[in-house]
N, C-alpha and C. Protein backbone atom coordinates (compact mmCIF):
# COMPACT_ATOMS: atom_id res chain seq x y z
N MET A 1 10.94 11.18 -50.75
CA MET A 1 10.16 10.46 -49.77
C MET A 1 8.71 10.45 -50.25
N SER A 2 8.15 9.27 -50.33
CA SER A 2 6.75 9.18 -50.73
C SER A 2 5.86 9.33 -49.50
N THR A 3 4.62 9.69 -49.74
CA THR A 3 3.67 9.87 -48.65
C THR A 3 2.41 9.06 -48.93
N THR A 4 1.60 8.93 -47.92
CA THR A 4 0.32 8.26 -48.04
C THR A 4 -0.72 9.05 -47.25
N VAL A 5 -1.96 8.78 -47.52
CA VAL A 5 -3.04 9.50 -46.85
C VAL A 5 -3.55 8.66 -45.69
N ILE A 6 -3.69 9.31 -44.54
CA ILE A 6 -4.29 8.68 -43.36
C ILE A 6 -5.49 9.53 -42.98
N SER A 7 -6.61 8.90 -42.82
CA SER A 7 -7.82 9.62 -42.44
C SER A 7 -8.09 9.36 -40.96
N VAL A 8 -8.31 10.43 -40.22
CA VAL A 8 -8.54 10.28 -38.79
C VAL A 8 -9.69 11.21 -38.38
N ARG A 9 -10.53 10.73 -37.51
CA ARG A 9 -11.65 11.56 -37.02
C ARG A 9 -11.25 12.19 -35.69
N VAL A 10 -11.47 13.51 -35.63
CA VAL A 10 -11.26 14.25 -34.38
C VAL A 10 -12.49 15.11 -34.14
N ARG A 11 -12.63 15.55 -32.91
CA ARG A 11 -13.76 16.43 -32.61
C ARG A 11 -13.67 17.70 -33.46
N LYS A 12 -14.81 18.14 -33.96
CA LYS A 12 -14.86 19.31 -34.83
C LYS A 12 -14.25 20.53 -34.14
N GLU A 13 -14.59 20.72 -32.86
CA GLU A 13 -14.07 21.87 -32.12
C GLU A 13 -12.54 21.85 -32.05
N LEU A 14 -12.00 20.65 -31.91
CA LEU A 14 -10.55 20.50 -31.82
C LEU A 14 -9.89 20.94 -33.12
N LYS A 15 -10.44 20.49 -34.23
CA LYS A 15 -9.89 20.86 -35.54
C LYS A 15 -10.01 22.37 -35.76
N GLU A 16 -11.16 22.93 -35.43
CA GLU A 16 -11.37 24.37 -35.62
C GLU A 16 -10.42 25.18 -34.76
N ARG A 17 -10.23 24.77 -33.52
CA ARG A 17 -9.33 25.50 -32.61
C ARG A 17 -7.89 25.43 -33.11
N ALA A 18 -7.49 24.27 -33.60
CA ALA A 18 -6.14 24.12 -34.15
C ALA A 18 -5.96 25.06 -35.35
N ARG A 19 -6.96 25.12 -36.20
CA ARG A 19 -6.89 26.00 -37.37
C ARG A 19 -6.79 27.46 -36.92
N GLU A 20 -7.60 27.86 -35.93
CA GLU A 20 -7.58 29.23 -35.42
C GLU A 20 -6.20 29.60 -34.87
N LEU A 21 -5.56 28.63 -34.25
CA LEU A 21 -4.25 28.89 -33.64
C LEU A 21 -3.09 28.71 -34.62
N GLY A 22 -3.41 28.34 -35.85
CA GLY A 22 -2.36 28.17 -36.86
C GLY A 22 -1.53 26.92 -36.67
N ILE A 23 -2.11 25.92 -36.05
CA ILE A 23 -1.39 24.67 -35.81
C ILE A 23 -1.45 23.81 -37.06
N ASP A 24 -0.30 23.35 -37.50
CA ASP A 24 -0.20 22.46 -38.66
C ASP A 24 -0.53 21.04 -38.18
N ILE A 25 -1.76 20.62 -38.41
CA ILE A 25 -2.23 19.33 -37.90
C ILE A 25 -1.40 18.19 -38.46
N ARG A 26 -1.08 18.24 -39.74
CA ARG A 26 -0.30 17.17 -40.36
C ARG A 26 1.05 17.05 -39.66
N GLU A 27 1.69 18.17 -39.40
CA GLU A 27 3.00 18.15 -38.75
C GLU A 27 2.90 17.58 -37.33
N VAL A 28 1.88 18.00 -36.60
CA VAL A 28 1.69 17.52 -35.22
C VAL A 28 1.45 16.01 -35.22
N LEU A 29 0.57 15.54 -36.11
CA LEU A 29 0.28 14.11 -36.17
C LEU A 29 1.49 13.30 -36.60
N GLU A 30 2.23 13.83 -37.57
CA GLU A 30 3.42 13.12 -38.05
C GLU A 30 4.46 12.99 -36.93
N LYS A 31 4.69 14.07 -36.19
CA LYS A 31 5.66 14.02 -35.09
C LYS A 31 5.18 13.06 -33.99
N ALA A 32 3.88 13.09 -33.69
CA ALA A 32 3.34 12.20 -32.66
C ALA A 32 3.49 10.74 -33.09
N LEU A 33 3.23 10.46 -34.36
CA LEU A 33 3.37 9.10 -34.86
C LEU A 33 4.83 8.65 -34.83
N GLU A 34 5.74 9.53 -35.24
CA GLU A 34 7.16 9.21 -35.18
C GLU A 34 7.59 8.89 -33.75
N GLU A 35 7.13 9.67 -32.80
CA GLU A 35 7.47 9.46 -31.39
C GLU A 35 6.90 8.15 -30.87
N ALA A 36 5.66 7.85 -31.24
CA ALA A 36 5.03 6.59 -30.82
C ALA A 36 5.79 5.40 -31.39
N ILE A 37 6.23 5.51 -32.63
CA ILE A 37 7.00 4.44 -33.27
C ILE A 37 8.34 4.27 -32.55
N ARG A 38 9.01 5.39 -32.27
CA ARG A 38 10.31 5.33 -31.58
C ARG A 38 10.17 4.66 -30.21
N ARG A 39 9.14 5.04 -29.46
CA ARG A 39 8.92 4.44 -28.14
C ARG A 39 8.66 2.94 -28.25
N ARG A 40 7.84 2.54 -29.20
CA ARG A 40 7.52 1.12 -29.36
C ARG A 40 8.77 0.33 -29.76
N GLU A 41 9.58 0.90 -30.67
CA GLU A 41 10.82 0.22 -31.06
C GLU A 41 11.76 0.07 -29.87
N GLU A 42 11.84 1.09 -29.03
CA GLU A 42 12.67 1.01 -27.83
C GLU A 42 12.16 -0.07 -26.88
N GLU A 43 10.84 -0.15 -26.73
CA GLU A 43 10.25 -1.19 -25.88
C GLU A 43 10.57 -2.58 -26.40
N GLU A 44 10.44 -2.76 -27.72
CA GLU A 44 10.72 -4.06 -28.32
C GLU A 44 12.20 -4.42 -28.17
N LEU A 45 13.08 -3.44 -28.35
CA LEU A 45 14.51 -3.68 -28.18
C LEU A 45 14.82 -4.05 -26.74
N ALA A 46 14.24 -3.33 -25.79
CA ALA A 46 14.48 -3.64 -24.38
C ALA A 46 14.00 -5.05 -24.04
N LYS A 47 12.87 -5.44 -24.59
CA LYS A 47 12.35 -6.78 -24.35
C LYS A 47 13.28 -7.83 -24.94
N ALA A 48 13.76 -7.59 -26.16
CA ALA A 48 14.67 -8.54 -26.81
C ALA A 48 15.98 -8.65 -26.02
N LEU A 49 16.48 -7.52 -25.54
CA LEU A 49 17.72 -7.54 -24.75
C LEU A 49 17.53 -8.29 -23.44
N GLU A 50 16.37 -8.12 -22.82
CA GLU A 50 16.09 -8.83 -21.57
C GLU A 50 16.03 -10.34 -21.81
N GLU A 51 15.40 -10.74 -22.93
CA GLU A 51 15.33 -12.16 -23.27
C GLU A 51 16.72 -12.71 -23.55
N LEU A 52 17.55 -11.93 -24.25
CA LEU A 52 18.91 -12.36 -24.53
C LEU A 52 19.72 -12.47 -23.24
N LYS A 53 19.56 -11.49 -22.37
CA LYS A 53 20.26 -11.52 -21.08
C LYS A 53 19.88 -12.78 -20.29
N GLU A 54 18.59 -13.10 -20.29
CA GLU A 54 18.12 -14.28 -19.58
C GLU A 54 18.70 -15.55 -20.20
N ALA A 55 18.72 -15.61 -21.53
CA ALA A 55 19.25 -16.79 -22.20
C ALA A 55 20.75 -16.94 -21.93
N LEU A 56 21.47 -15.83 -21.99
CA LEU A 56 22.92 -15.88 -21.76
C LEU A 56 23.26 -16.22 -20.32
N SER A 57 22.40 -15.86 -19.39
CA SER A 57 22.68 -16.14 -17.98
C SER A 57 22.64 -17.64 -17.69
N ARG A 58 22.02 -18.40 -18.56
CA ARG A 58 21.93 -19.85 -18.35
C ARG A 58 23.16 -20.59 -18.89
N ILE A 59 24.05 -19.86 -19.56
CA ILE A 59 25.26 -20.49 -20.10
C ILE A 59 26.35 -20.43 -19.03
N THR A 60 26.93 -21.57 -18.74
CA THR A 60 27.96 -21.63 -17.70
C THR A 60 29.28 -21.10 -18.24
N GLU A 61 30.18 -20.78 -17.31
CA GLU A 61 31.51 -20.30 -17.69
C GLU A 61 32.23 -21.38 -18.50
N GLU A 62 32.06 -22.61 -18.12
CA GLU A 62 32.70 -23.72 -18.83
C GLU A 62 32.22 -23.78 -20.29
N GLU A 63 30.94 -23.57 -20.50
CA GLU A 63 30.40 -23.59 -21.86
C GLU A 63 30.96 -22.43 -22.68
N TRP A 64 31.12 -21.26 -22.05
CA TRP A 64 31.72 -20.12 -22.74
C TRP A 64 33.16 -20.44 -23.15
N VAL A 65 33.91 -21.03 -22.24
CA VAL A 65 35.31 -21.36 -22.52
C VAL A 65 35.39 -22.32 -23.69
N ARG A 66 34.54 -23.34 -23.69
CA ARG A 66 34.53 -24.31 -24.80
C ARG A 66 34.18 -23.63 -26.12
N ALA A 67 33.22 -22.74 -26.08
CA ALA A 67 32.80 -22.04 -27.30
C ALA A 67 33.92 -21.17 -27.85
N VAL A 68 34.61 -20.45 -26.96
CA VAL A 68 35.71 -19.59 -27.39
C VAL A 68 36.85 -20.43 -27.96
N ARG A 69 37.20 -21.49 -27.27
CA ARG A 69 38.28 -22.36 -27.76
C ARG A 69 37.90 -22.99 -29.09
N GLY A 70 36.66 -23.41 -29.22
CA GLY A 70 36.20 -23.99 -30.48
C GLY A 70 36.28 -22.99 -31.61
N SER A 71 35.94 -21.76 -31.32
CA SER A 71 36.00 -20.70 -32.32
C SER A 71 37.44 -20.44 -32.74
N ARG A 72 38.34 -20.43 -31.77
CA ARG A 72 39.76 -20.21 -32.08
C ARG A 72 40.31 -21.35 -32.92
N ASP A 73 39.90 -22.57 -32.61
CA ASP A 73 40.38 -23.74 -33.35
C ASP A 73 39.92 -23.72 -34.80
N GLU A 74 38.77 -23.12 -35.06
CA GLU A 74 38.24 -23.06 -36.42
C GLU A 74 39.06 -22.13 -37.30
N ARG A 75 39.77 -21.20 -36.72
CA ARG A 75 40.56 -20.24 -37.49
C ARG A 75 41.77 -20.92 -37.97
């Protein structure tokens, strides 16, 4: 796994306190970033599913039947 450098400014006291407490800042930031990415991906997926649900709700039963029959006929 390759890595990259990210530079971030935090309050000096915050960094010093984390160091005093033995907190691995890189690990904390990496986990927070992973969690933020996971949440955003879930939000985007939920939005896409809602849009799909809305689009599918506009298709009538008759249109579904025609589509299924057409698909069967192609086989």
